[in-house]
């Protein structure tokens, strides 16, 4: 179990501690016997610190990172390499935080029970440390920000572009990459390739053949991949998009070089 879940489990079992003191206080009330003052103190203390506190701490680790993640990183899912909600805070600090809380609870409860000022002070010190670690992780979570990296590496992107360089526009005998027909290529790292491309003219007579060739070229190399080709004409293609390599292929005097 992660720290958040373990704190929630502590809260679940912790609710029985004030119940025990509550039952004891009720019995003393009905039998008209004197109630030790420290029992009343323990009842109030354990309600707040044995039940409510671990519940708040546990749910903070379960919900706050997820809320921040949804706001800050969810829009980049499938586009960039993003951290997970559990990466937004320090797990090591959270682990220490769990044990300082447990130490504070045990020491303070025992200190109040035996009326020991020293133990109560030691428990209070553990509780202060717990609070500081909690504030640190909350601040780290809400202020978390990292430079996002592309989901696919440049090498992976180039491997697909190299494949598409084998697809030739038959009208000018230039591959579609150097022709500047590929506007965008996204690889999600999980066998899905999205390609946004255009044609030299919207009424290109071999347009359907080129698009089909693009899909088949990638699927022949990666048969279990999902390939989506989106044909767009905005922005409109122009000869200025032809690469230097592509221009070398064009015959001198071609109208696109004028």
Protein backbone atom coordinates (compact mmCIF):
# COMPACT_ATOMS: atom_id res chain seq x y z
CA UNK A 1 0.00 0.00 0.00
CA UNK A 2 1.16 3.55 -0.68
CA UNK A 3 1.54 6.10 2.11
CA UNK A 4 -1.85 7.69 1.50
CA UNK A 5 -3.65 4.36 1.71
CA UNK A 6 -1.73 3.31 4.83
CA UNK A 7 -2.68 6.54 6.58
CA UNK A 8 -6.31 5.93 5.62
CA UNK A 9 -6.06 2.42 7.09
CA UNK A 10 -4.63 3.92 10.30
CA UNK A 11 -7.64 6.26 10.39
CA UNK A 12 -10.03 3.33 9.96
CA UNK A 13 -8.58 1.46 12.93
CA UNK A 14 -7.90 4.67 14.83
CA UNK A 15 -11.62 5.41 15.09
CA UNK A 16 -11.92 2.54 17.57
CA UNK A 17 -9.55 4.25 20.04
CA UNK A 18 -11.89 7.17 20.91
CA UNK A 19 -14.79 4.70 20.85
CA UNK A 20 -13.10 2.74 23.63
CA UNK A 21 -12.57 5.86 25.72
CA UNK A 22 -16.10 6.99 24.92
CA UNK A 23 -17.55 3.69 26.17
CA UNK A 24 -15.46 3.91 29.32
CA UNK A 25 -16.66 7.47 29.96
CA UNK A 26 -20.27 6.44 29.37
CA UNK A 27 -19.98 3.53 31.81
CA UNK A 28 -18.45 5.79 34.44
CA UNK A 29 -21.26 8.29 33.90
CA UNK A 30 -24.07 5.75 34.33
CA UNK A 31 -22.55 4.08 37.36
CA UNK A 32 -21.95 7.51 38.90
CA UNK A 33 -18.26 6.88 39.42
CA UNK A 34 -15.53 9.48 39.17
CA UNK A 35 -14.09 9.93 35.69
CA UNK A 36 -10.32 10.45 35.51
CA UNK A 37 -9.62 13.83 33.91
CA UNK A 38 -7.08 12.33 31.57
CA UNK A 39 -9.77 10.01 30.11
CA UNK A 40 -11.75 13.01 28.93
CA UNK A 41 -8.58 14.51 27.47
CA UNK A 42 -7.72 11.22 25.76
CA UNK A 43 -11.22 10.97 24.30
CA UNK A 44 -10.95 14.39 22.64
CA UNK A 45 -7.31 13.88 21.66
CA UNK A 46 -7.86 10.52 19.97
CA UNK A 47 -10.93 11.71 18.05
CA UNK A 48 -8.87 14.40 16.44
CA UNK A 49 -5.44 12.76 16.19
CA UNK A 50 -6.23 9.04 15.89
CA UNK A 51 -9.11 9.38 13.44
CA UNK A 52 -9.44 12.80 11.78
CA UNK A 53 -5.73 13.60 11.37
CA UNK A 54 -4.65 10.40 9.55
CA UNK A 55 -7.79 10.61 7.41
CA UNK A 56 -6.88 14.14 6.31
CA UNK A 57 -3.22 13.22 5.78
CA UNK A 58 -4.06 10.08 3.82
CA UNK A 59 -6.65 11.73 1.59
CA UNK A 60 -4.28 14.62 0.91
CA UNK A 61 -1.78 12.20 -0.61
CA UNK A 62 -4.55 10.47 -2.56
CA UNK A 63 -6.40 13.50 -3.94
CA UNK A 64 -4.20 16.62 -4.01
CA UNK A 65 -1.53 15.21 -6.37
CA UNK A 66 -4.26 13.93 -8.70
CA UNK A 67 -6.06 17.31 -8.75
CA UNK A 68 -2.81 19.15 -9.50
CA UNK A 69 -1.89 16.55 -12.13
CA UNK A 70 -5.27 16.93 -13.87
CA UNK A 71 -4.86 20.69 -14.02
CA UNK A 72 -1.19 20.83 -14.98
CA UNK A 73 -0.30 17.66 -16.90
CA UNK A 74 -3.44 15.88 -18.10
CA UNK A 75 -3.71 18.04 -21.28
CA UNK A 76 -0.33 16.66 -22.39
CA UNK A 77 -1.25 12.97 -22.11
CA UNK A 78 -0.27 11.21 -25.32
CA UNK A 79 1.78 14.20 -26.44
CA UNK A 80 4.60 14.63 -23.95
CA UNK A 81 6.40 12.60 -21.30
CA UNK A 82 4.63 13.60 -18.10
CA UNK A 83 5.05 12.71 -14.41
CA UNK A 84 2.49 10.60 -12.60
CA UNK A 85 0.48 12.00 -9.64
CA UNK A 86 2.70 10.05 -7.23
CA UNK A 87 5.76 11.83 -8.62
CA UNK A 88 4.52 15.25 -7.55
CA UNK A 89 5.57 14.78 -3.91
CA UNK A 90 8.52 13.17 -2.15
CA UNK A 91 7.73 9.55 -1.29
CA UNK A 92 10.67 9.44 1.10
CA UNK A 93 9.39 12.46 3.03
CA UNK A 94 5.89 10.95 3.05
CA UNK A 95 7.29 7.71 4.48
CA UNK A 96 9.11 9.58 7.26
CA UNK A 97 5.98 11.63 7.76
CA UNK A 98 3.95 8.45 8.36
CA UNK A 99 6.31 7.19 11.07
CA UNK A 100 6.67 10.54 12.84
CA UNK A 101 2.88 10.73 12.99
CA UNK A 102 2.63 7.22 14.45
CA UNK A 103 5.34 8.02 17.01
CA UNK A 104 3.53 11.23 17.96
CA UNK A 105 0.25 9.37 18.42
CA UNK A 106 1.67 6.53 20.54
CA UNK A 107 3.93 8.70 22.71
CA UNK A 108 1.36 11.45 23.32
CA UNK A 109 -1.47 9.00 24.05
CA UNK A 110 0.69 7.10 26.53
CA UNK A 111 1.98 10.36 28.01
CA UNK A 112 -1.54 11.68 28.59
CA UNK A 113 -2.65 8.31 29.98
CA UNK A 114 0.10 8.17 32.62
CA UNK A 115 0.11 11.95 33.06
CA UNK A 116 3.72 12.31 31.97
CA UNK A 117 4.66 15.83 30.93
CA UNK A 118 7.95 14.64 29.42
CA UNK A 119 6.28 12.08 27.14
CA UNK A 120 3.62 14.57 26.13
CA UNK A 121 6.31 17.06 25.14
CA UNK A 122 8.23 14.42 23.17
CA UNK A 123 5.02 13.44 21.39
CA UNK A 124 4.32 17.09 20.65
CA UNK A 125 7.79 17.39 19.09
CA UNK A 126 7.06 14.43 16.80
CA UNK A 127 3.76 16.07 15.91
CA UNK A 128 5.50 19.32 14.96
CA UNK A 129 7.91 17.39 12.73
CA UNK A 130 4.92 15.64 11.16
CA UNK A 131 3.26 18.98 10.44
CA UNK A 132 6.42 20.42 8.87
CA UNK A 133 6.90 17.38 6.62
CA UNK A 134 3.23 17.55 5.62
CA UNK A 135 3.49 21.25 4.71
CA UNK A 136 6.67 20.52 2.73
CA UNK A 137 5.00 17.83 0.63
CA UNK A 138 1.85 19.89 0.09
CA UNK A 139 3.96 22.83 -1.10
CA UNK A 140 6.04 20.55 -3.32
CA UNK A 141 2.86 19.11 -4.84
CA UNK A 142 1.11 22.38 -5.63
CA UNK A 143 4.30 24.02 -6.93
CA UNK A 144 5.47 21.00 -8.95
CA UNK A 145 6.60 21.90 -12.43
CA UNK A 146 8.98 20.11 -14.80
CA UNK A 147 10.15 20.75 -18.32
CA UNK A 148 8.16 18.35 -20.48
CA UNK A 149 9.93 16.26 -23.06
CA UNK A 150 8.48 14.91 -26.32
CA UNK A 151 6.82 11.54 -25.92
CA UNK A 152 8.86 10.13 -28.75
CA UNK A 153 12.55 10.71 -29.22
CA UNK A 154 14.02 12.48 -32.19
CA UNK A 155 15.50 9.16 -33.27
CA UNK A 156 12.07 7.49 -33.26
CA UNK A 157 10.55 10.39 -35.19
CA UNK A 158 13.34 10.28 -37.77
CA UNK A 159 12.87 6.53 -38.25
CA UNK A 160 9.28 7.13 -39.41
CA UNK A 161 10.33 10.03 -41.60
CA UNK A 162 13.02 7.84 -43.16
CA UNK A 163 10.32 5.32 -44.00
CA UNK A 164 8.15 8.03 -45.56
CA UNK A 165 11.07 9.13 -47.71
CA UNK A 166 10.42 5.99 -49.74
CA UNK A 167 6.97 7.34 -50.67
CA UNK A 168 7.31 9.27 -53.93
CA UNK A 169 5.01 11.87 -55.41
CA UNK A 170 4.87 10.45 -58.94
CA UNK A 171 4.11 13.80 -60.54
CA UNK A 172 7.45 15.34 -59.60
CA UNK A 173 9.37 12.23 -58.52
CA UNK A 174 10.29 13.65 -55.10
CA UNK A 175 9.65 11.85 -51.83
CA UNK A 176 6.82 13.36 -49.78
CA UNK A 177 9.09 14.34 -46.86
CA UNK A 178 11.46 16.45 -48.98
CA UNK A 179 8.42 17.65 -50.89
CA UNK A 180 7.20 19.19 -47.60
CA UNK A 181 3.90 17.32 -47.59
CA UNK A 182 4.31 16.02 -44.03
CA UNK A 183 3.15 18.71 -41.61
CA UNK A 184 3.14 16.74 -38.39
CA UNK A 185 4.07 13.26 -37.15
CA UNK A 186 3.22 12.07 -33.63
CA UNK A 187 4.23 8.74 -32.14
CA UNK A 188 2.72 7.99 -28.73
CA UNK A 189 5.30 5.37 -27.83
CA UNK A 190 2.57 2.71 -27.72
CA UNK A 191 2.17 1.60 -31.32
CA UNK A 192 0.13 4.54 -32.52
CA UNK A 193 1.27 6.95 -35.24
CA UNK A 194 -0.68 10.08 -36.18
CA UNK A 195 0.31 11.86 -39.38
CA UNK A 196 -0.92 15.21 -40.61
CA UNK A 197 -0.08 15.81 -44.25
CA UNK A 198 -1.17 17.68 -47.34
CA UNK A 199 -0.96 17.43 -51.13
CA UNK A 200 0.52 19.83 -53.64
CA UNK A 201 -3.04 20.63 -54.79
CA UNK A 202 -6.44 19.69 -53.32
CA UNK A 203 -7.35 18.03 -56.62
CA UNK A 204 -4.15 16.04 -56.92
CA UNK A 205 -5.04 13.06 -59.17
CA UNK A 206 -2.74 10.69 -57.26
CA UNK A 207 -3.68 12.00 -53.79
CA UNK A 208 -5.54 8.88 -52.67
CA UNK A 209 -2.69 6.69 -53.85
CA UNK A 210 -0.11 8.74 -51.90
CA UNK A 211 -2.15 8.61 -48.68
CA UNK A 212 -2.65 4.86 -49.04
CA UNK A 213 1.05 4.42 -49.72
CA UNK A 214 1.91 6.34 -46.54
CA UNK A 215 -0.18 3.98 -44.42
CA UNK A 216 1.06 0.83 -46.14
CA UNK A 217 4.70 1.88 -45.86
CA UNK A 218 4.51 2.14 -42.06
CA UNK A 219 2.28 -0.91 -41.63
CA UNK A 220 4.62 -3.06 -43.73
CA UNK A 221 7.39 -2.23 -41.24
CA UNK A 222 5.17 -2.20 -38.14
CA UNK A 223 2.13 -4.40 -38.89
CA UNK A 224 0.71 -4.22 -35.36
CA UNK A 225 0.75 -0.40 -35.24
CA UNK A 226 -2.24 1.90 -35.58
CA UNK A 227 -1.64 4.50 -38.29
CA UNK A 228 -3.92 7.53 -38.73
CA UNK A 229 -3.44 9.90 -41.66
CA UNK A 230 -5.21 13.25 -41.56
CA UNK A 231 -5.23 15.08 -44.89
CA UNK A 232 -5.34 18.88 -44.48
CA UNK A 233 -5.08 21.87 -46.84
CA UNK A 234 -4.63 24.60 -44.28
CA UNK A 235 -1.98 25.88 -44.43
CA UNK A 236 -1.83 25.55 -48.17
CA UNK A 237 1.21 23.81 -49.57
CA UNK A 238 3.73 25.97 -51.43
CA UNK A 239 7.04 25.27 -53.21
CA UNK A 240 8.87 27.03 -50.36
CA UNK A 241 8.27 23.88 -48.27
CA UNK A 242 10.47 21.78 -50.54
CA UNK A 243 13.72 20.87 -48.78
CA UNK A 244 17.15 21.58 -50.23
CA UNK A 245 17.49 17.89 -51.06
CA UNK A 246 14.18 18.03 -52.88
CA UNK A 247 15.20 21.06 -54.89
CA UNK A 248 18.29 19.21 -56.09
CA UNK A 249 16.05 16.53 -57.58
CA UNK A 250 13.98 19.03 -59.57
CA UNK A 251 15.24 19.68 -63.03
CA UNK A 252 16.88 23.06 -63.47
CA UNK A 253 14.47 25.58 -64.85
CA UNK A 254 11.44 23.97 -63.16
CA UNK A 255 8.71 26.52 -62.53
CA UNK A 256 8.88 25.84 -58.78
CA UNK A 257 12.50 26.98 -58.75
CA UNK A 258 11.81 30.24 -60.51
